[in-house]
């Protein structure tokens, strides 16, 4: 196989490459399946491996490695590159994360600030227990059951505190709904 690989590197010998491909392609595919991957990903990796063998054959040095070692190293590197591409997706310029935020006009910003102040004032009027369950439930996204265990109270108490806090907040905010909401 070394002679065939040298022929590909020196003369771009297609017949020699065909021999190399017929011999190594099934073995490379089996190797890639063994180190992880499946189906079309492995087939793509095999194709990329032999495209690299064709384009880099001139770099093959029989004094440094056998043909099989060199080809399997290329296959291994192709699989590593494919794995990295899977873990780091292509850049998408249309991703909403890269879209600038919509500019807020002055009136909208003022209304939002007033609404935030109103909610803060209404929250300050709640009991400490009610504020705590709301904070745990909505800001830390903890389930009612987990809140009950953390605070060492029955789950019914947690639900009652949330319901009472909602009632208070709703009443307070509805009183101002004409102006803000």
Foldseek 3Di string as FASTA:
>chain_A
DQVLLLCLQPPVDPVSLVVVCVPCLVVLLVVDVVVDDDDPLSVVLSVVLSVCSNVCSVVDDCVVDPPVVVSNVSSVVSSVVSVVCVVPDDDDCPPPVNDDDDDDDPVRVVLVVVVVVLLVVLLVPADPLLNVLCCCCPVVVDDLVVVCVVVVHDSVVSVVSPVVSVVSSVVSCVVCVVPRD
